[in-house]
Amino acid sequence: MPDTNLEKPLDGPPDETDINLRAYLSRLSDEQLREYDPGWSDQQVMQWDGNFRSDGALMLVCCERDIEIEEYRTVLEEHIRRRGI
């Protein structure tokens, strides 16, 4: 059964950025998430998502820190597992 508290990290207390990233991923459709391929290059992942800035960070508002592609991929893959996709 999928984990229903998808905005809470598994490994400790979250900061505002942790919560915002997970909330952002929660709004992606199952269909889009099924398209994700962990073998893609970072550039392919950024194009697939379509919400990365030209400097390589995810474009999110109200964040304490930038979300770079490595963190994005780690949290995305965790999110897909927790969501049961």
PDB file of N, CA and C in Angstrom:
ATOM      1  N   MET A   1       0.843  -1.181   0.000  1.00  0.00           N
ATOM      2  CA  MET A   1       0.000   0.000   0.000  1.00  0.00           C
ATOM      3  C   MET A   1       0.893   1.251   0.000  1.00  0.00           C
ATOM      4  N   PRO A   2       0.577   2.222  -0.864  1.00  0.00           N
ATOM      5  CA  PRO A   2       1.392   3.438  -0.933  1.00  0.00           C
ATOM      6  C   PRO A   2       1.369   4.229   0.367  1.00  0.00           C
ATOM      7  N   ASP A   3       2.477   4.898   0.642  1.00  0.00           N
ATOM      8  CA  ASP A   3       2.605   5.782   1.795  1.00  0.00           C
ATOM      9  C   ASP A   3       1.779   7.034   1.511  1.00  0.00           C
ATOM     10  N   THR A   4       0.868   7.394   2.389  1.00  0.00           N
ATOM     11  CA  THR A   4      -0.029   8.512   2.116  1.00  0.00           C
ATOM     12  C   THR A   4       0.492   9.859   2.591  1.00  0.00           C
ATOM     13  N   ASN A   5       1.528   9.889   3.413  1.00  0.00           N
ATOM     14  CA  ASN A   5       2.091  11.162   3.867  1.00  0.00           C
ATOM     15  C   ASN A   5       3.324  11.491   3.028  1.00  0.00           C
ATOM     16  N   LEU A   6       3.081  11.830   1.768  1.00  0.00           N
ATOM     17  CA  LEU A   6       4.166  11.991   0.801  1.00  0.00           C
ATOM     18  C   LEU A   6       4.947  13.278   0.979  1.00  0.00           C
ATOM     19  N   GLU A   7       4.466  14.206   1.791  1.00  0.00           N
ATOM     20  CA  GLU A   7       5.180  15.461   1.978  1.00  0.00           C
ATOM     21  C   GLU A   7       6.198  15.388   3.113  1.00  0.00           C
ATOM     22  N   LYS A   8       6.250  14.286   3.828  1.00  0.00           N
ATOM     23  CA  LYS A   8       7.185  14.134   4.944  1.00  0.00           C
ATOM     24  C   LYS A   8       8.338  13.225   4.531  1.00  0.00           C
ATOM     25  N   PRO A   9       9.571  13.712   4.648  1.00  0.00           N
ATOM     26  CA  PRO A   9      10.721  12.854   4.337  1.00  0.00           C
ATOM     27  C   PRO A   9      10.790  11.656   5.275  1.00  0.00           C
ATOM     28  N   LEU A  10      11.402  10.599   4.811  1.00  0.00           N
ATOM     29  CA  LEU A  10      11.544   9.397   5.626  1.00  0.00           C
ATOM     30  C   LEU A  10      12.655   9.518   6.653  1.00  0.00           C
ATOM     31  N   ASP A  11      13.578  10.457   6.453  1.00  0.00           N
ATOM     32  CA  ASP A  11      14.798  10.467   7.250  1.00  0.00           C
ATOM     33  C   ASP A  11      14.998  11.726   8.088  1.00  0.00           C
ATOM     34  N   GLY A  12      14.050  12.058   8.907  1.00  0.00           N
ATOM     35  CA  GLY A  12      14.263  13.174   9.820  1.00  0.00           C
ATOM     36  C   GLY A  12      13.303  14.324   9.603  1.00  0.00           C
ATOM     37  N   PRO A  13      13.465  15.350  10.423  1.00  0.00           N
ATOM     38  CA  PRO A  13      12.546  16.480  10.342  1.00  0.00           C
ATOM     39  C   PRO A  13      12.771  17.277   9.048  1.00  0.00           C
ATOM     40  N   PRO A  14      11.683  17.643   8.380  1.00  0.00           N
ATOM     41  CA  PRO A  14      11.810  18.362   7.115  1.00  0.00           C
ATOM     42  C   PRO A  14      12.022  19.855   7.323  1.00  0.00           C
ATOM     43  N   ASP A  15      12.648  20.491   6.328  1.00  0.00           N
ATOM     44  CA  ASP A  15      12.646  21.940   6.283  1.00  0.00           C
ATOM     45  C   ASP A  15      11.589  22.355   5.251  1.00  0.00           C
ATOM     46  N   GLU A  16      11.409  23.638   5.084  1.00  0.00           N
ATOM     47  CA  GLU A  16      10.385  24.142   4.174  1.00  0.00           C
ATOM     48  C   GLU A  16      10.613  23.643   2.745  1.00  0.00           C
ATOM     49  N   THR A  17      11.858  23.568   2.333  1.00  0.00           N
ATOM     50  CA  THR A  17      12.183  23.120   0.981  1.00  0.00           C
ATOM     51  C   THR A  17      11.826  21.650   0.797  1.00  0.00           C
ATOM     52  N   ASP A  18      12.108  20.804   1.796  1.00  0.00           N
ATOM     53  CA  ASP A  18      11.733  19.384   1.724  1.00  0.00           C
ATOM     54  C   ASP A  18      10.240  19.233   1.480  1.00  0.00           C
ATOM     55  N   ILE A  19       9.458  19.956   2.240  1.00  0.00           N
ATOM     56  CA  ILE A  19       7.998  19.868   2.137  1.00  0.00           C
ATOM     57  C   ILE A  19       7.525  20.391   0.784  1.00  0.00           C
ATOM     58  N   ASN A  20       8.059  21.524   0.342  1.00  0.00           N
ATOM     59  CA  ASN A  20       7.639  22.096  -0.938  1.00  0.00           C
ATOM     60  C   ASN A  20       7.977  21.175  -2.107  1.00  0.00           C
ATOM     61  N   LEU A  21       9.151  20.570  -2.087  1.00  0.00           N
ATOM     62  CA  LEU A  21       9.522  19.648  -3.156  1.00  0.00           C
ATOM     63  C   LEU A  21       8.584  18.457  -3.189  1.00  0.00           C
ATOM     64  N   ARG A  22       8.304  17.882  -2.052  1.00  0.00           N
ATOM     65  CA  ARG A  22       7.428  16.713  -2.005  1.00  0.00           C
ATOM     66  C   ARG A  22       5.995  17.071  -2.384  1.00  0.00           C
ATOM     67  N   ALA A  23       5.540  18.250  -1.999  1.00  0.00           N
ATOM     68  CA  ALA A  23       4.202  18.704  -2.408  1.00  0.00           C
ATOM     69  C   ALA A  23       4.161  18.889  -3.924  1.00  0.00           C
ATOM     70  N   TYR A  24       5.229  19.436  -4.488  1.00  0.00           N
ATOM     71  CA  TYR A  24       5.328  19.616  -5.938  1.00  0.00           C
ATOM     72  C   TYR A  24       5.226  18.258  -6.638  1.00  0.00           C
ATOM     73  N   LEU A  25       5.970  17.277  -6.165  1.00  0.00           N
ATOM     74  CA  LEU A  25       5.943  15.950  -6.783  1.00  0.00           C
ATOM     75  C   LEU A  25       4.579  15.284  -6.622  1.00  0.00           C
ATOM     76  N   SER A  26       3.890  15.565  -5.538  1.00  0.00           N
ATOM     77  CA  SER A  26       2.563  14.987  -5.307  1.00  0.00           C
ATOM     78  C   SER A  26       1.550  15.441  -6.357  1.00  0.00           C
ATOM     79  N   ARG A  27       1.819  16.595  -6.961  1.00  0.00           N
ATOM     80  CA  ARG A  27       0.901  17.113  -7.978  1.00  0.00           C
ATOM     81  C   ARG A  27       1.171  16.552  -9.372  1.00  0.00           C
ATOM     82  N   LEU A  28       2.275  15.811  -9.550  1.00  0.00           N
ATOM     83  CA  LEU A  28       2.539  15.185 -10.843  1.00  0.00           C
ATOM     84  C   LEU A  28       1.611  13.980 -11.011  1.00  0.00           C
ATOM     85  N   SER A  29       1.143  13.787 -12.223  1.00  0.00           N
ATOM     86  CA  SER A  29       0.203  12.690 -12.478  1.00  0.00           C
ATOM     87  C   SER A  29       0.925  11.340 -12.459  1.00  0.00           C
ATOM     88  N   ASP A  30       0.156  10.292 -12.175  1.00  0.00           N
ATOM     89  CA  ASP A  30       0.704   8.934 -12.240  1.00  0.00           C
ATOM     90  C   ASP A  30       1.260   8.667 -13.634  1.00  0.00           C
ATOM     91  N   GLU A  31       0.545   9.142 -14.650  1.00  0.00           N
ATOM     92  CA  GLU A  31       0.974   8.934 -16.028  1.00  0.00           C
ATOM     93  C   GLU A  31       2.351   9.545 -16.270  1.00  0.00           C
ATOM     94  N   GLN A  32       2.553  10.780 -15.828  1.00  0.00           N
ATOM     95  CA  GLN A  32       3.850  11.421 -16.017  1.00  0.00           C
ATOM     96  C   GLN A  32       4.929  10.682 -15.242  1.00  0.00           C
ATOM     97  N   LEU A  33       4.637  10.297 -14.008  1.00  0.00           N
ATOM     98  CA  LEU A  33       5.632   9.604 -13.194  1.00  0.00           C
ATOM     99  C   LEU A  33       6.023   8.264 -13.800  1.00  0.00           C
ATOM    100  N   ARG A  34       5.089   7.585 -14.457  1.00  0.00           N
ATOM    101  CA  ARG A  34       5.411   6.309 -15.105  1.00  0.00           C
ATOM    102  C   ARG A  34       6.370   6.490 -16.266  1.00  0.00           C
ATOM    103  N   GLU A  35       6.406   7.683 -16.864  1.00  0.00           N
ATOM    104  CA  GLU A  35       7.317   7.966 -17.979  1.00  0.00           C
ATOM    105  C   GLU A  35       8.770   8.095 -17.516  1.00  0.00           C
ATOM    106  N   TYR A  36       8.961   8.442 -16.251  1.00  0.00           N
ATOM    107  CA  TYR A  36      10.312   8.707 -15.740  1.00  0.00           C
ATOM    108  C   TYR A  36      11.202   7.484 -15.897  1.00  0.00           C
ATOM    109  N   ASP A  37      12.422   7.720 -16.353  1.00  0.00           N
ATOM    110  CA  ASP A  37      13.411   6.656 -16.517  1.00  0.00           C
ATOM    111  C   ASP A  37      14.661   7.034 -15.727  1.00  0.00           C
ATOM    112  N   PRO A  38      15.015   6.271 -14.689  1.00  0.00           N
ATOM    113  CA  PRO A  38      16.202   6.593 -13.896  1.00  0.00           C
ATOM    114  C   PRO A  38      17.490   6.601 -14.714  1.00  0.00           C
ATOM    115  N   GLY A  39      17.484   5.996 -15.888  1.00  0.00           N
ATOM    116  CA  GLY A  39      18.657   5.968 -16.746  1.00  0.00           C
ATOM    117  C   GLY A  39      18.868   7.235 -17.565  1.00  0.00           C
ATOM    118  N   TRP A  40      17.895   8.144 -17.514  1.00  0.00           N
ATOM    119  CA  TRP A  40      18.027   9.399 -18.250  1.00  0.00           C
ATOM    120  C   TRP A  40      19.183  10.231 -17.709  1.00  0.00           C
ATOM    121  N   SER A  41      19.731  11.049 -18.579  1.00  0.00           N
ATOM    122  CA  SER A  41      20.733  12.029 -18.153  1.00  0.00           C
ATOM    123  C   SER A  41      20.042  13.107 -17.326  1.00  0.00           C
ATOM    124  N   ASP A  42      20.818  13.872 -16.595  1.00  0.00           N
ATOM    125  CA  ASP A  42      20.240  14.975 -15.823  1.00  0.00           C
ATOM    126  C   ASP A  42      19.485  15.937 -16.733  1.00  0.00           C
ATOM    127  N   GLN A  43      20.034  16.205 -17.894  1.00  0.00           N
ATOM    128  CA  GLN A  43      19.388  17.117 -18.850  1.00  0.00           C
ATOM    129  C   GLN A  43      18.033  16.566 -19.295  1.00  0.00           C
ATOM    130  N   GLN A  44      17.947  15.268 -19.538  1.00  0.00           N
ATOM    131  CA  GLN A  44      16.677  14.656 -19.937  1.00  0.00           C
ATOM    132  C   GLN A  44      15.648  14.757 -18.817  1.00  0.00           C
ATOM    133  N   VAL A  45      16.085  14.569 -17.579  1.00  0.00           N
ATOM    134  CA  VAL A  45      15.162  14.684 -16.444  1.00  0.00           C
ATOM    135  C   VAL A  45      14.644  16.117 -16.345  1.00  0.00           C
ATOM    136  N   MET A  46      15.532  17.093 -16.509  1.00  0.00           N
ATOM    137  CA  MET A  46      15.111  18.495 -16.437  1.00  0.00           C
ATOM    138  C   MET A  46      14.125  18.829 -17.549  1.00  0.00           C
ATOM    139  N   GLN A  47      14.345  18.295 -18.733  1.00  0.00           N
ATOM    140  CA  GLN A  47      13.410  18.519 -19.839  1.00  0.00           C
ATOM    141  C   GLN A  47      12.084  17.822 -19.581  1.00  0.00           C
ATOM    142  N   TRP A  48      12.118  16.615 -19.059  1.00  0.00           N
ATOM    143  CA  TRP A  48      10.904  15.859 -18.747  1.00  0.00           C
ATOM    144  C   TRP A  48      10.048  16.621 -17.741  1.00  0.00           C
ATOM    145  N   ASP A  49      10.681  17.166 -16.707  1.00  0.00           N
ATOM    146  CA  ASP A  49       9.946  17.909 -15.695  1.00  0.00           C
ATOM    147  C   ASP A  49       9.487  19.257 -16.243  1.00  0.00           C
ATOM    148  N   GLY A  50      10.372  19.945 -16.932  1.00  0.00           N
ATOM    149  CA  GLY A  50      10.016  21.216 -17.550  1.00  0.00           C
ATOM    150  C   GLY A  50       9.954  22.408 -16.617  1.00  0.00           C
ATOM    151  N   ASN A  51      10.425  22.261 -15.381  1.00  0.00           N
ATOM    152  CA  ASN A  51      10.318  23.347 -14.409  1.00  0.00           C
ATOM    153  C   ASN A  51      11.666  23.675 -13.763  1.00  0.00           C
ATOM    154  N   PHE A  52      12.732  23.511 -14.515  1.00  0.00           N
ATOM    155  CA  PHE A  52      14.057  23.848 -14.018  1.00  0.00           C
ATOM    156  C   PHE A  52      14.507  25.177 -14.595  1.00  0.00           C
ATOM    157  N   ARG A  53      15.182  25.950 -13.773  1.00  0.00           N
ATOM    158  CA  ARG A  53      15.724  27.241 -14.215  1.00  0.00           C
ATOM    159  C   ARG A  53      16.965  27.013 -15.069  1.00  0.00           C
ATOM    160  N   SER A  54      17.392  28.077 -15.748  1.00  0.00           N
ATOM    161  CA  SER A  54      18.571  27.978 -16.607  1.00  0.00           C
ATOM    162  C   SER A  54      19.845  27.672 -15.807  1.00  0.00           C
ATOM    163  N   ASP A  55      19.854  27.979 -14.496  1.00  0.00           N
ATOM    164  CA  ASP A  55      21.027  27.669 -13.675  1.00  0.00           C
ATOM    165  C   ASP A  55      21.027  26.226 -13.159  1.00  0.00           C
ATOM    166  N   GLY A  56      20.002  25.438 -13.515  1.00  0.00           N
ATOM    167  CA  GLY A  56      19.963  24.026 -13.164  1.00  0.00           C
ATOM    168  C   GLY A  56      19.202  23.677 -11.902  1.00  0.00           C
ATOM    169  N   ALA A  57      18.627  24.659 -11.206  1.00  0.00           N
ATOM    170  CA  ALA A  57      17.849  24.387  -9.994  1.00  0.00           C
ATOM    171  C   ALA A  57      16.364  24.331 -10.342  1.00  0.00           C
ATOM    172  N   LEU A  58      15.618  23.542  -9.581  1.00  0.00           N
ATOM    173  CA  LEU A  58      14.173  23.450  -9.767  1.00  0.00           C
ATOM    174  C   LEU A  58      13.529  24.779  -9.407  1.00  0.00           C
ATOM    175  N   MET A  59      12.569  25.210 -10.197  1.00  0.00           N
ATOM    176  CA  MET A  59      11.891  26.473  -9.963  1.00  0.00           C
ATOM    177  C   MET A  59      10.718  26.244  -9.002  1.00  0.00           C
ATOM    178  N   LEU A  60      10.938  26.569  -7.746  1.00  0.00           N
ATOM    179  CA  LEU A  60       9.897  26.499  -6.722  1.00  0.00           C
ATOM    180  C   LEU A  60       9.911  27.808  -5.940  1.00  0.00           C
ATOM    181  N   VAL A  61       8.743  28.249  -5.511  1.00  0.00           N
ATOM    182  CA  VAL A  61       8.668  29.465  -4.706  1.00  0.00           C
ATOM    183  C   VAL A  61       8.708  29.107  -3.223  1.00  0.00           C
ATOM    184  N   CYS A  62       9.066  30.064  -2.429  1.00  0.00           N
ATOM    185  CA  CYS A  62       9.072  29.915  -0.964  1.00  0.00           C
ATOM    186  C   CYS A  62       9.964  28.768  -0.497  1.00  0.00           C
ATOM    187  N   CYS A  63      11.151  28.715  -1.017  1.00  0.00           N
ATOM    188  CA  CYS A  63      12.098  27.686  -0.600  1.00  0.00           C
ATOM    189  C   CYS A  63      13.289  28.332   0.079  1.00  0.00           C
ATOM    190  N   GLU A  64      13.818  27.651   1.076  1.00  0.00           N
ATOM    191  CA  GLU A  64      14.970  28.141   1.819  1.00  0.00           C
ATOM    192  C   GLU A  64      16.275  27.911   1.063  1.00  0.00           C
ATOM    193  N   ARG A  65      16.267  26.952   0.139  1.00  0.00           N
ATOM    194  CA  ARG A  65      17.490  26.599  -0.579  1.00  0.00           C
ATOM    195  C   ARG A  65      17.119  26.095  -1.972  1.00  0.00           C
ATOM    196  N   ASP A  66      18.103  26.083  -2.858  1.00  0.00           N
ATOM    197  CA  ASP A  66      17.895  25.575  -4.209  1.00  0.00           C
ATOM    198  C   ASP A  66      17.827  24.054  -4.194  1.00  0.00           C
ATOM    199  N   ILE A  67      17.045  23.516  -5.103  1.00  0.00           N
ATOM    200  CA  ILE A  67      16.956  22.069  -5.286  1.00  0.00           C
ATOM    201  C   ILE A  67      17.671  21.743  -6.588  1.00  0.00           C
ATOM    202  N   GLU A  68      18.819  21.124  -6.446  1.00  0.00           N
ATOM    203  CA  GLU A  68      19.616  20.729  -7.602  1.00  0.00           C
ATOM    204  C   GLU A  68      19.152  19.360  -8.089  1.00  0.00           C
ATOM    205  N   ILE A  69      19.593  18.983  -9.273  1.00  0.00           N
ATOM    206  CA  ILE A  69      19.116  17.765  -9.928  1.00  0.00           C
ATOM    207  C   ILE A  69      19.390  16.502  -9.106  1.00  0.00           C
ATOM    208  N   GLU A  70      20.509  16.421  -8.415  1.00  0.00           N
ATOM    209  CA  GLU A  70      20.808  15.212  -7.630  1.00  0.00           C
ATOM    210  C   GLU A  70      19.761  14.997  -6.531  1.00  0.00           C
ATOM    211  N   GLU A  71      19.456  16.062  -5.773  1.00  0.00           N
ATOM    212  CA  GLU A  71      18.432  15.951  -4.731  1.00  0.00           C
ATOM    213  C   GLU A  71      17.071  15.666  -5.352  1.00  0.00           C
ATOM    214  N   TYR A  72      16.765  16.343  -6.454  1.00  0.00           N
ATOM    215  CA  TYR A  72      15.482  16.145  -7.133  1.00  0.00           C
ATOM    216  C   TYR A  72      15.297  14.678  -7.512  1.00  0.00           C
ATOM    217  N   ARG A  73      16.309  14.096  -8.142  1.00  0.00           N
ATOM    218  CA  ARG A  73      16.209  12.702  -8.576  1.00  0.00           C
ATOM    219  C   ARG A  73      16.035  11.755  -7.390  1.00  0.00           C
ATOM    220  N   THR A  74      16.787  11.978  -6.321  1.00  0.00           N
ATOM    221  CA  THR A  74      16.688  11.125  -5.134  1.00  0.00           C
ATOM    222  C   THR A  74      15.280  11.172  -4.552  1.00  0.00           C
ATOM    223  N   VAL A  75      14.757  12.377  -4.387  1.00  0.00           N
ATOM    224  CA  VAL A  75      13.425  12.538  -3.792  1.00  0.00           C
ATOM    225  C   VAL A  75      12.346  12.034  -4.759  1.00  0.00           C
ATOM    226  N   LEU A  76      12.519  12.279  -6.057  1.00  0.00           N
ATOM    227  CA  LEU A  76      11.564  11.794  -7.058  1.00  0.00           C
ATOM    228  C   LEU A  76      11.472  10.277  -7.022  1.00  0.00           C
ATOM    229  N   GLU A  77      12.598   9.602  -7.003  1.00  0.00           N
ATOM    230  CA  GLU A  77      12.582   8.140  -7.001  1.00  0.00           C
ATOM    231  C   GLU A  77      11.988   7.588  -5.712  1.00  0.00           C
ATOM    232  N   GLU A  78      12.272   8.239  -4.593  1.00  0.00           N
ATOM    233  CA  GLU A  78      11.638   7.862  -3.325  1.00  0.00           C
ATOM    234  C   GLU A  78      10.127   8.081  -3.418  1.00  0.00           C
ATOM    235  N   HIS A  79       9.731   9.202  -3.986  1.00  0.00           N
ATOM    236  CA  HIS A  79       8.311   9.541  -4.126  1.00  0.00           C
ATOM    237  C   HIS A  79       7.578   8.490  -4.975  1.00  0.00           C
ATOM    238  N   ILE A  80       8.186   8.102  -6.079  1.00  0.00           N
ATOM    239  CA  ILE A  80       7.573   7.091  -6.961  1.00  0.00           C
ATOM    240  C   ILE A  80       7.384   5.778  -6.208  1.00  0.00           C
ATOM    241  N   ARG A  81       8.388   5.366  -5.433  1.00  0.00           N
ATOM    242  CA  ARG A  81       8.265   4.128  -4.639  1.00  0.00           C
ATOM    243  C   ARG A  81       7.163   4.268  -3.594  1.00  0.00           C
ATOM    244  N   ARG A  82       7.145   5.392  -2.876  1.00  0.00           N
ATOM    245  CA  ARG A  82       6.159   5.587  -1.809  1.00  0.00           C
ATOM    246  C   ARG A  82       4.744   5.695  -2.364  1.00  0.00           C
ATOM    247  N   ARG A  83       4.630   6.213  -3.559  1.00  0.00           N
ATOM    248  CA  ARG A  83       3.317   6.357  -4.188  1.00  0.00           C
ATOM    249  C   ARG A  83       2.845   5.052  -4.812  1.00  0.00           C
ATOM    250  N   GLY A  84       3.725   4.089  -4.938  1.00  0.00           N
ATOM    251  CA  GLY A  84       3.353   2.783  -5.446  1.00  0.00           C
ATOM    252  C   GLY A  84       3.225   2.729  -6.956  1.00  0.00           C
ATOM    253  N   ILE A  85       4.009   3.540  -7.643  1.00  0.00           N
ATOM    254  CA  ILE A  85       3.946   3.590  -9.110  1.00  0.00           C
ATOM    255  C   ILE A  85       5.061   2.757  -9.694  1.00  0.00           C
TER     256      ILE A  85
END
